[in-house]
Amino acid sequence: MEGYFVGWGTLALINAGLAQGKNRSGLNWFLLSLLLGPIATFLIVVLEKNHG
């Protein structure tokens, strides 16, 4: 069971990096990823990049 939590946390960190690459808040996406996991990864990849 411990491996599950480590993997989920690692995915959240990866998602934070992906979000920052698209000029989004890494912290917000990290927290969202803790709740949604792979669904958050899909949303980061599919949603358009911010132009601001």
PDB file of N, CA and C in Angstrom:
ATOM      1  N   MET A   1       0.822  -1.201   0.000  1.00  0.00           N
ATOM      2  CA  MET A   1       0.000   0.000   0.000  1.00  0.00           C
ATOM      3  C   MET A   1       0.861   1.257   0.000  1.00  0.00           C
ATOM      4  N   GLU A   2       2.032   1.173   0.627  1.00  0.00           N
ATOM      5  CA  GLU A   2       2.913   2.341   0.689  1.00  0.00           C
ATOM      6  C   GLU A   2       3.378   2.762  -0.703  1.00  0.00           C
ATOM      7  N   GLY A   3       3.611   1.816  -1.580  1.00  0.00           N
ATOM      8  CA  GLY A   3       4.034   2.116  -2.948  1.00  0.00           C
ATOM      9  C   GLY A   3       2.987   2.916  -3.701  1.00  0.00           C
ATOM     10  N   TYR A   4       1.741   2.656  -3.394  1.00  0.00           N
ATOM     11  CA  TYR A   4       0.647   3.386  -4.030  1.00  0.00           C
ATOM     12  C   TYR A   4       0.747   4.874  -3.706  1.00  0.00           C
ATOM     13  N   PHE A   5       1.000   5.204  -2.452  1.00  0.00           N
ATOM     14  CA  PHE A   5       1.089   6.605  -2.036  1.00  0.00           C
ATOM     15  C   PHE A   5       2.322   7.280  -2.620  1.00  0.00           C
ATOM     16  N   VAL A   6       3.422   6.552  -2.696  1.00  0.00           N
ATOM     17  CA  VAL A   6       4.646   7.103  -3.284  1.00  0.00           C
ATOM     18  C   VAL A   6       4.418   7.402  -4.767  1.00  0.00           C
ATOM     19  N   GLY A   7       3.799   6.489  -5.476  1.00  0.00           N
ATOM     20  CA  GLY A   7       3.508   6.685  -6.896  1.00  0.00           C
ATOM     21  C   GLY A   7       2.565   7.849  -7.140  1.00  0.00           C
ATOM     22  N   TRP A   8       1.545   7.953  -6.302  1.00  0.00           N
ATOM     23  CA  TRP A   8       0.564   9.036  -6.431  1.00  0.00           C
ATOM     24  C   TRP A   8       1.238  10.389  -6.183  1.00  0.00           C
ATOM     25  N   GLY A   9       2.104  10.453  -5.180  1.00  0.00           N
ATOM     26  CA  GLY A   9       2.832  11.683  -4.879  1.00  0.00           C
ATOM     27  C   GLY A   9       3.803  12.056  -5.989  1.00  0.00           C
ATOM     28  N   THR A  10       4.457  11.057  -6.553  1.00  0.00           N
ATOM     29  CA  THR A  10       5.367  11.304  -7.675  1.00  0.00           C
ATOM     30  C   THR A  10       4.605  11.844  -8.873  1.00  0.00           C
ATOM     31  N   LEU A  11       3.459  11.282  -9.156  1.00  0.00           N
ATOM     32  CA  LEU A  11       2.630  11.771 -10.256  1.00  0.00           C
ATOM     33  C   LEU A  11       2.214  13.218 -10.013  1.00  0.00           C
ATOM     34  N   ALA A  12       1.880  13.561  -8.786  1.00  0.00           N
ATOM     35  CA  ALA A  12       1.496  14.934  -8.461  1.00  0.00           C
ATOM     36  C   ALA A  12       2.658  15.895  -8.715  1.00  0.00           C
ATOM     37  N   LEU A  13       3.879  15.483  -8.376  1.00  0.00           N
ATOM     38  CA  LEU A  13       5.052  16.321  -8.639  1.00  0.00           C
ATOM     39  C   LEU A  13       5.292  16.493 -10.140  1.00  0.00           C
ATOM     40  N   ILE A  14       5.139  15.430 -10.885  1.00  0.00           N
ATOM     41  CA  ILE A  14       5.293  15.502 -12.341  1.00  0.00           C
ATOM     42  C   ILE A  14       4.245  16.439 -12.926  1.00  0.00           C
ATOM     43  N   ASN A  15       3.018  16.334 -12.458  1.00  0.00           N
ATOM     44  CA  ASN A  15       1.951  17.199 -12.946  1.00  0.00           C
ATOM     45  C   ASN A  15       2.237  18.659 -12.632  1.00  0.00           C
ATOM     46  N   ALA A  16       2.806  18.946 -11.470  1.00  0.00           N
ATOM     47  CA  ALA A  16       3.164  20.322 -11.120  1.00  0.00           C
ATOM     48  C   ALA A  16       4.184  20.863 -12.116  1.00  0.00           C
ATOM     49  N   GLY A  17       5.156  20.052 -12.480  1.00  0.00           N
ATOM     50  CA  GLY A  17       6.149  20.466 -13.477  1.00  0.00           C
ATOM     51  C   GLY A  17       5.534  20.688 -14.837  1.00  0.00           C
ATOM     52  N   LEU A  18       4.632  19.807 -15.244  1.00  0.00           N
ATOM     53  CA  LEU A  18       3.936  19.982 -16.525  1.00  0.00           C
ATOM     54  C   LEU A  18       3.123  21.274 -16.531  1.00  0.00           C
ATOM     55  N   ALA A  19       2.442  21.540 -15.443  1.00  0.00           N
ATOM     56  CA  ALA A  19       1.614  22.744 -15.347  1.00  0.00           C
ATOM     57  C   ALA A  19       2.472  24.002 -15.438  1.00  0.00           C
ATOM     58  N   GLN A  20       3.608  24.011 -14.745  1.00  0.00           N
ATOM     59  CA  GLN A  20       4.485  25.175 -14.801  1.00  0.00           C
ATOM     60  C   GLN A  20       5.020  25.383 -16.205  1.00  0.00           C
ATOM     61  N   GLY A  21       5.244  24.309 -16.934  1.00  0.00           N
ATOM     62  CA  GLY A  21       5.674  24.403 -18.330  1.00  0.00           C
ATOM     63  C   GLY A  21       4.633  25.051 -19.219  1.00  0.00           C
ATOM     64  N   LYS A  22       3.386  25.019 -18.782  1.00  0.00           N
ATOM     65  CA  LYS A  22       2.294  25.650 -19.530  1.00  0.00           C
ATOM     66  C   LYS A  22       1.840  26.945 -18.866  1.00  0.00           C
ATOM     67  N   ASN A  23       2.723  27.538 -18.076  1.00  0.00           N
ATOM     68  CA  ASN A  23       2.450  28.819 -17.395  1.00  0.00           C
ATOM     69  C   ASN A  23       1.214  28.761 -16.496  1.00  0.00           C
ATOM     70  N   ARG A  24       1.087  27.660 -15.778  1.00  0.00           N
ATOM     71  CA  ARG A  24       0.004  27.508 -14.806  1.00  0.00           C
ATOM     72  C   ARG A  24       0.608  27.343 -13.420  1.00  0.00           C
ATOM     73  N   SER A  25      -0.203  27.469 -12.417  1.00  0.00           N
ATOM     74  CA  SER A  25       0.261  27.349 -11.042  1.00  0.00           C
ATOM     75  C   SER A  25       0.625  25.899 -10.716  1.00  0.00           C
ATOM     76  N   GLY A  26       1.906  25.674 -10.467  1.00  0.00           N
ATOM     77  CA  GLY A  26       2.354  24.332 -10.110  1.00  0.00           C
ATOM     78  C   GLY A  26       1.750  23.859  -8.808  1.00  0.00           C
ATOM     79  N   LEU A  27       1.634  24.765  -7.837  1.00  0.00           N
ATOM     80  CA  LEU A  27       1.072  24.389  -6.537  1.00  0.00           C
ATOM     81  C   LEU A  27      -0.388  23.970  -6.672  1.00  0.00           C
ATOM     82  N   ASN A  28      -1.168  24.739  -7.403  1.00  0.00           N
ATOM     83  CA  ASN A  28      -2.588  24.397  -7.578  1.00  0.00           C
ATOM     84  C   ASN A  28      -2.748  23.040  -8.258  1.00  0.00           C
ATOM     85  N   TRP A  29      -1.958  22.803  -9.293  1.00  0.00           N
ATOM     86  CA  TRP A  29      -2.068  21.534 -10.008  1.00  0.00           C
ATOM     87  C   TRP A  29      -1.518  20.377  -9.185  1.00  0.00           C
ATOM     88  N   PHE A  30      -0.517  20.643  -8.341  1.00  0.00           N
ATOM     89  CA  PHE A  30      -0.017  19.611  -7.439  1.00  0.00           C
ATOM     90  C   PHE A  30      -1.136  19.166  -6.503  1.00  0.00           C
ATOM     91  N   LEU A  31      -1.812  20.137  -5.902  1.00  0.00           N
ATOM     92  CA  LEU A  31      -2.893  19.815  -4.962  1.00  0.00           C
ATOM     93  C   LEU A  31      -4.051  19.121  -5.672  1.00  0.00           C
ATOM     94  N   LEU A  32      -4.389  19.600  -6.861  1.00  0.00           N
ATOM     95  CA  LEU A  32      -5.460  18.972  -7.634  1.00  0.00           C
ATOM     96  C   LEU A  32      -5.080  17.543  -8.007  1.00  0.00           C
ATOM     97  N   SER A  33      -3.811  17.338  -8.314  1.00  0.00           N
ATOM     98  CA  SER A  33      -3.335  16.005  -8.682  1.00  0.00           C
ATOM     99  C   SER A  33      -3.400  15.028  -7.517  1.00  0.00           C
ATOM    100  N   LEU A  34      -3.234  15.529  -6.307  1.00  0.00           N
ATOM    101  CA  LEU A  34      -3.361  14.643  -5.149  1.00  0.00           C
ATOM    102  C   LEU A  34      -4.779  14.083  -5.053  1.00  0.00           C
ATOM    103  N   LEU A  35      -5.750  14.853  -5.533  1.00  0.00           N
ATOM    104  CA  LEU A  35      -7.143  14.398  -5.506  1.00  0.00           C
ATOM    105  C   LEU A  35      -7.509  13.583  -6.743  1.00  0.00           C
ATOM    106  N   LEU A  36      -7.073  14.043  -7.919  1.00  0.00           N
ATOM    107  CA  LEU A  36      -7.529  13.441  -9.169  1.00  0.00           C
ATOM    108  C   LEU A  36      -6.545  12.478  -9.817  1.00  0.00           C
ATOM    109  N   GLY A  37      -5.270  12.586  -9.480  1.00  0.00           N
ATOM    110  CA  GLY A  37      -4.256  11.689 -10.033  1.00  0.00           C
ATOM    111  C   GLY A  37      -4.155  11.758 -11.543  1.00  0.00           C
ATOM    112  N   PRO A  38      -4.295  10.623 -12.216  1.00  0.00           N
ATOM    113  CA  PRO A  38      -4.120  10.569 -13.673  1.00  0.00           C
ATOM    114  C   PRO A  38      -5.111  11.443 -14.447  1.00  0.00           C
ATOM    115  N   ILE A  39      -6.255  11.704 -13.875  1.00  0.00           N
ATOM    116  CA  ILE A  39      -7.230  12.581 -14.541  1.00  0.00           C
ATOM    117  C   ILE A  39      -6.655  13.992 -14.660  1.00  0.00           C
ATOM    118  N   ALA A  40      -5.941  14.449 -13.630  1.00  0.00           N
ATOM    119  CA  ALA A  40      -5.306  15.764 -13.675  1.00  0.00           C
ATOM    120  C   ALA A  40      -4.234  15.794 -14.759  1.00  0.00           C
ATOM    121  N   THR A  41      -3.489  14.716 -14.916  1.00  0.00           N
ATOM    122  CA  THR A  41      -2.481  14.648 -15.975  1.00  0.00           C
ATOM    123  C   THR A  41      -3.144  14.827 -17.333  1.00  0.00           C
ATOM    124  N   PHE A  42      -4.237  14.137 -17.545  1.00  0.00           N
ATOM    125  CA  PHE A  42      -4.980  14.255 -18.804  1.00  0.00           C
ATOM    126  C   PHE A  42      -5.433  15.694 -19.032  1.00  0.00           C
ATOM    127  N   LEU A  43      -5.954  16.345 -17.996  1.00  0.00           N
ATOM    128  CA  LEU A  43      -6.426  17.718 -18.135  1.00  0.00           C
ATOM    129  C   LEU A  43      -5.285  18.685 -18.464  1.00  0.00           C
ATOM    130  N   ILE A  44      -4.134  18.499 -17.844  1.00  0.00           N
ATOM    131  CA  ILE A  44      -2.994  19.364 -18.127  1.00  0.00           C
ATOM    132  C   ILE A  44      -2.576  19.247 -19.584  1.00  0.00           C
ATOM    133  N   VAL A  45      -2.551  18.027 -20.076  1.00  0.00           N
ATOM    134  CA  VAL A  45      -2.105  17.788 -21.447  1.00  0.00           C
ATOM    135  C   VAL A  45      -3.129  18.289 -22.463  1.00  0.00           C
ATOM    136  N   VAL A  46      -4.403  18.102 -22.188  1.00  0.00           N
ATOM    137  CA  VAL A  46      -5.445  18.408 -23.174  1.00  0.00           C
ATOM    138  C   VAL A  46      -5.815  19.891 -23.204  1.00  0.00           C
ATOM    139  N   LEU A  47      -5.851  20.545 -22.049  1.00  0.00           N
ATOM    140  CA  LEU A  47      -6.259  21.945 -22.004  1.00  0.00           C
ATOM    141  C   LEU A  47      -5.214  22.810 -22.703  1.00  0.00           C
ATOM    142  N   GLU A  48      -5.697  23.882 -23.346  1.00  0.00           N
ATOM    143  CA  GLU A  48      -4.802  24.768 -24.066  1.00  0.00           C
ATOM    144  C   GLU A  48      -3.867  25.516 -23.127  1.00  0.00           C
ATOM    145  N   LYS A  49      -2.717  25.876 -23.671  1.00  0.00           N
ATOM    146  CA  LYS A  49      -1.727  26.628 -22.916  1.00  0.00           C
ATOM    147  C   LYS A  49      -2.201  28.066 -22.740  1.00  0.00           C
ATOM    148  N   ASN A  50      -1.997  28.606 -21.529  1.00  0.00           N
ATOM    149  CA  ASN A  50      -2.343  30.007 -21.266  1.00  0.00           C
ATOM    150  C   ASN A  50      -1.402  30.910 -22.042  1.00  0.00           C
ATOM    151  N   HIS A  51      -1.940  31.978 -22.595  1.00  0.00           N
ATOM    152  CA  HIS A  51      -1.131  32.919 -23.364  1.00  0.00           C
ATOM    153  C   HIS A  51      -0.862  34.194 -22.580  1.00  0.00           C
ATOM    154  N   GLY A  52      -1.142  34.195 -21.283  1.00  0.00           N
ATOM    155  CA  GLY A  52      -0.998  35.394 -20.469  1.00  0.00           C
ATOM    156  C   GLY A  52       0.306  35.527 -19.923  1.00  0.00           C
TER     157      GLY A  52
END
